Amino acid sequence: MAFVVSRLCRDCVDSACVAVCPVDCFYKPKEVSDEHPNQLMISPEECIDCAVCEPECPWEAIYPEEDVPEIFVDDIALNEKTDSERNAFELAEAAEHEPPSADEVAQNKAKWGL
């Protein structure tokens, strides 16, 4: 099982998870669209299930596949597109970001129904 980036990352795109990934399995869309939203995604074929990324995500957007909340289950297929539609994605790079406040994280979760 791989880890999954949920839509809690959408338009937030903090790359703290990318910075700690030992296998560079995080991708982002080359062109943002409804089909390829502005968020990071994990290649399930490349993810080694090390779990290093999960606690690093300041938006709490990363879950083990088997623990993805029901409301975000469609995000599993979205992450799988990094393998099935590889030409539409590029390797994500770590960048400095200001971490969100606890209130911002809570508001983001509420926005997506969690």
Protein backbone atom coordinates (compact mmCIF):
# COMPACT_ATOMS: atom_id res chain seq x y z
CA MET A 1 0.00 0.00 0.00
CA ALA A 2 1.15 3.48 -0.81
CA PHE A 3 0.52 6.78 0.87
CA VAL A 4 -1.99 9.18 -0.69
CA VAL A 5 -2.05 12.96 -0.83
CA SER A 6 -5.65 14.07 -0.31
CA ARG A 7 -7.36 17.20 -1.58
CA LEU A 8 -6.41 18.89 1.70
CA CYS A 9 -3.22 19.75 -0.22
CA ARG A 10 -5.16 21.42 -3.04
CA ASP A 11 -3.95 24.98 -3.65
CA CYS A 12 -1.85 24.75 -0.46
CA VAL A 13 1.02 22.75 -2.00
CA ASP A 14 3.48 22.88 0.86
CA SER A 15 6.49 20.75 -0.06
CA ALA A 16 7.77 19.79 3.40
CA CYS A 17 6.83 16.21 2.49
CA VAL A 18 8.90 16.39 -0.69
CA ALA A 19 11.96 17.48 1.26
CA VAL A 20 11.97 14.32 3.39
CA CYS A 21 10.97 11.72 0.79
CA PRO A 22 13.86 9.28 0.29
CA VAL A 23 12.67 8.09 -3.13
CA ASP A 24 11.33 11.26 -4.80
CA CYS A 25 7.83 9.90 -5.40
CA PHE A 26 5.98 13.24 -5.21
CA TYR A 27 4.65 14.78 -8.40
CA LYS A 28 2.69 17.85 -9.43
CA PRO A 29 0.73 18.53 -12.62
CA LYS A 30 2.58 20.21 -15.46
CA GLU A 31 -0.65 22.08 -16.23
CA VAL A 32 -3.31 22.60 -13.60
CA SER A 33 -6.85 21.66 -14.64
CA ASP A 34 -9.99 20.10 -13.17
CA GLU A 35 -8.55 16.70 -14.09
CA HIS A 36 -5.10 17.56 -12.67
CA PRO A 37 -5.66 19.97 -9.75
CA ASN A 38 -3.04 22.14 -8.10
CA GLN A 39 -1.76 19.75 -5.47
CA LEU A 40 1.02 17.29 -4.85
CA MET A 41 0.46 13.59 -5.49
CA ILE A 42 2.34 10.42 -4.62
CA SER A 43 3.22 7.80 -7.22
CA PRO A 44 1.91 4.53 -5.75
CA GLU A 45 4.41 2.59 -7.86
CA GLU A 46 7.36 4.54 -6.41
CA CYS A 47 6.21 5.00 -2.80
CA ILE A 48 8.04 2.65 -0.43
CA ASP A 49 5.63 3.17 2.48
CA CYS A 50 8.32 4.62 4.72
CA ALA A 51 5.77 7.02 6.31
CA VAL A 52 8.31 9.83 6.63
CA CYS A 53 6.12 12.25 4.68
CA GLU A 54 2.92 11.88 6.67
CA PRO A 55 3.96 13.75 9.85
CA GLU A 56 5.80 16.40 7.81
CA CYS A 57 2.68 17.60 5.98
CA PRO A 58 1.56 20.78 7.75
CA TRP A 59 -1.90 20.50 6.12
CA GLU A 60 -2.37 16.92 7.41
CA ALA A 61 -3.20 15.88 3.84
CA ILE A 62 -1.27 12.59 3.62
CA TYR A 63 -2.77 9.23 4.61
CA PRO A 64 -1.84 5.58 4.24
CA GLU A 65 -4.06 4.31 1.43
CA GLU A 66 -6.02 2.04 3.77
CA ASP A 67 -6.74 4.99 6.12
CA VAL A 68 -7.93 7.57 3.57
CA PRO A 69 -11.17 9.07 4.92
CA GLU A 70 -14.26 8.08 2.92
CA ILE A 71 -14.76 11.68 1.80
CA PHE A 72 -11.32 11.60 0.11
CA VAL A 73 -11.47 8.11 -1.42
CA ASP A 74 -11.47 9.59 -4.97
CA ASP A 75 -8.03 11.02 -4.23
CA ILE A 76 -6.56 7.52 -4.38
CA ALA A 77 -7.31 7.39 -8.14
CA LEU A 78 -6.05 10.95 -8.51
CA ASN A 79 -2.66 9.95 -7.07
CA GLU A 80 -2.60 6.89 -9.35
CA LYS A 81 -2.69 9.22 -12.36
CA THR A 82 0.96 10.05 -11.64
CA ASP A 83 1.73 6.55 -12.92
CA SER A 84 -0.96 6.09 -15.59
CA GLU A 85 -0.60 9.61 -17.05
CA ARG A 86 3.08 10.27 -16.26
CA ASN A 87 3.53 12.75 -19.13
CA ALA A 88 1.04 15.10 -17.45
CA PHE A 89 3.16 15.34 -14.28
CA GLU A 90 6.60 16.48 -13.23
CA LEU A 91 8.68 15.62 -10.20
CA ALA A 92 7.90 17.99 -7.34
CA GLU A 93 10.74 19.93 -5.79
CA ALA A 94 11.07 21.10 -2.21
CA ALA A 95 10.61 24.82 -1.65
CA GLU A 96 10.46 26.98 1.43
CA HIS A 97 6.93 27.67 2.65
CA GLU A 98 5.50 29.39 5.68
CA PRO A 99 3.66 26.67 7.64
CA PRO A 100 -0.07 27.24 8.13
CA SER A 101 -1.54 28.10 11.49
CA ALA A 102 -3.74 25.61 13.33
CA ASP A 103 -6.74 27.77 12.41
CA GLU A 104 -5.82 27.64 8.71
CA VAL A 105 -5.52 23.84 8.85
CA ALA A 106 -8.91 23.58 10.59
CA GLN A 107 -10.53 25.92 8.04
CA ASN A 108 -9.06 23.90 5.17
CA LYS A 109 -10.39 20.66 6.63
CA ALA A 110 -13.84 22.21 7.07
CA LYS A 111 -13.77 23.49 3.48
CA TRP A 112 -13.36 19.91 2.23
CA GLY A 113 -15.92 18.43 4.63
CA LEU A 114 -13.60 16.75 7.11
